[in-house]
Amino acid sequence: MYMEYYAKTFPEEVSALVLVDSRPADIYDRCVAEFDAGRCAPPDDRIDMPPAHQQAEWRAIPIDAE
């Protein structure tokens, strides 16, 4: 997720990405099509696990960021 976000933010700095076991780019759209938007957000207990600075980064990225 971080590498895709970086590549889209700074395209002049990235010539290619190799994504191994990554999520599909349309994962949020697929989830919303099958469920509802509330069920597609990461659970708070998953976001609360990493250190505080990383939690803040995760919460700042829109769930549907592509």
C-alpha atoms as a PDB file:
ATOM      1  CA  MET A   1       0.000   0.000   0.000  1.00  0.00           C
ATOM      2  CA  TYR A   2       2.773   2.433   0.888  1.00  0.00           C
ATOM      3  CA  MET A   3       4.716   1.767  -2.294  1.00  0.00           C
ATOM      4  CA  GLU A   4       1.670   2.228  -4.522  1.00  0.00           C
ATOM      5  CA  TYR A   5       0.823   5.462  -2.715  1.00  0.00           C
ATOM      6  CA  TYR A   6       4.411   6.708  -3.083  1.00  0.00           C
ATOM      7  CA  ALA A   7       4.520   5.788  -6.782  1.00  0.00           C
ATOM      8  CA  LYS A   8       1.308   7.719  -7.447  1.00  0.00           C
ATOM      9  CA  THR A   9       2.451  10.702  -5.410  1.00  0.00           C
ATOM     10  CA  PHE A  10       5.939  10.866  -6.965  1.00  0.00           C
ATOM     11  CA  PRO A  11       5.676   9.276 -10.417  1.00  0.00           C
ATOM     12  CA  GLU A  12       8.908  10.918 -11.561  1.00  0.00           C
ATOM     13  CA  GLU A  13      10.788   8.972  -8.859  1.00  0.00           C
ATOM     14  CA  VAL A  14       9.419   5.506  -9.694  1.00  0.00           C
ATOM     15  CA  SER A  15       9.909   3.642 -12.947  1.00  0.00           C
ATOM     16  CA  ALA A  16       8.310   0.337 -11.888  1.00  0.00           C
ATOM     17  CA  LEU A  17       6.847  -1.591  -8.966  1.00  0.00           C
ATOM     18  CA  VAL A  18       7.027  -5.295  -8.269  1.00  0.00           C
ATOM     19  CA  LEU A  19       4.068  -6.214  -6.104  1.00  0.00           C
ATOM     20  CA  VAL A  20       4.189  -9.645  -4.482  1.00  0.00           C
ATOM     21  CA  ASP A  21       1.005 -10.838  -2.769  1.00  0.00           C
ATOM     22  CA  SER A  22      -0.490  -7.379  -3.070  1.00  0.00           C
ATOM     23  CA  ARG A  23      -4.144  -6.521  -2.873  1.00  0.00           C
ATOM     24  CA  PRO A  24      -6.041  -5.873  -6.119  1.00  0.00           C
ATOM     25  CA  ALA A  25      -6.273  -2.171  -7.016  1.00  0.00           C
ATOM     26  CA  ASP A  26     -10.073  -2.351  -6.962  1.00  0.00           C
ATOM     27  CA  ILE A  27     -10.373  -4.223  -3.660  1.00  0.00           C
ATOM     28  CA  TYR A  28     -12.425  -1.459  -2.020  1.00  0.00           C
ATOM     29  CA  ASP A  29     -14.877  -1.308  -4.950  1.00  0.00           C
ATOM     30  CA  ARG A  30     -15.230  -5.098  -4.903  1.00  0.00           C
ATOM     31  CA  CYS A  31     -15.889  -5.091  -1.187  1.00  0.00           C
ATOM     32  CA  VAL A  32     -18.500  -2.322  -1.375  1.00  0.00           C
ATOM     33  CA  ALA A  33     -20.226  -4.124  -4.266  1.00  0.00           C
ATOM     34  CA  GLU A  34     -20.560  -7.250  -2.141  1.00  0.00           C
ATOM     35  CA  PHE A  35     -21.057  -5.707   1.309  1.00  0.00           C
ATOM     36  CA  ASP A  36     -21.371  -2.129   2.553  1.00  0.00           C
ATOM     37  CA  ALA A  37     -18.680   0.529   3.007  1.00  0.00           C
ATOM     38  CA  GLY A  38     -18.660   0.138   6.808  1.00  0.00           C
ATOM     39  CA  ARG A  39     -17.640  -3.523   6.538  1.00  0.00           C
ATOM     40  CA  CYS A  40     -14.866  -2.709   4.048  1.00  0.00           C
ATOM     41  CA  ALA A  41     -12.797  -0.466   6.309  1.00  0.00           C
ATOM     42  CA  PRO A  42      -9.981  -2.142   8.239  1.00  0.00           C
ATOM     43  CA  PRO A  43     -11.071  -3.073  11.773  1.00  0.00           C
ATOM     44  CA  ASP A  44      -9.910  -0.652  14.448  1.00  0.00           C
ATOM     45  CA  ASP A  45      -8.127  -3.437  16.328  1.00  0.00           C
ATOM     46  CA  ARG A  46      -5.903  -3.977  13.243  1.00  0.00           C
ATOM     47  CA  ILE A  47      -5.073  -0.282  13.014  1.00  0.00           C
ATOM     48  CA  ASP A  48      -4.452  -0.072  16.774  1.00  0.00           C
ATOM     49  CA  MET A  49      -1.758  -2.791  16.686  1.00  0.00           C
ATOM     50  CA  PRO A  50       1.207  -0.894  15.145  1.00  0.00           C
ATOM     51  CA  PRO A  51       3.083   1.975  16.817  1.00  0.00           C
ATOM     52  CA  ALA A  52       1.186   5.268  17.213  1.00  0.00           C
ATOM     53  CA  HIS A  53       2.983   7.047  14.350  1.00  0.00           C
ATOM     54  CA  GLN A  54       2.009   4.271  11.941  1.00  0.00           C
ATOM     55  CA  GLN A  55      -1.586   4.281  13.182  1.00  0.00           C
ATOM     56  CA  ALA A  56      -1.773   7.996  12.366  1.00  0.00           C
ATOM     57  CA  GLU A  57      -0.413   7.345   8.854  1.00  0.00           C
ATOM     58  CA  TRP A  58      -2.959   4.584   8.214  1.00  0.00           C
ATOM     59  CA  ARG A  59      -5.853   6.690   9.465  1.00  0.00           C
ATOM     60  CA  ALA A  60      -4.770   9.593   7.207  1.00  0.00           C
ATOM     61  CA  ILE A  61      -4.956   7.523   4.002  1.00  0.00           C
ATOM     62  CA  PRO A  62      -8.450   7.410   2.556  1.00  0.00           C
ATOM     63  CA  ILE A  63      -9.825   3.868   2.496  1.00  0.00           C
ATOM     64  CA  ASP A  64     -10.445   4.101  -1.236  1.00  0.00           C
ATOM     65  CA  ALA A  65      -7.024   5.611  -2.081  1.00  0.00           C
ATOM     66  CA  GLU A  66      -5.778   4.311  -5.379  1.00  0.00           C
END
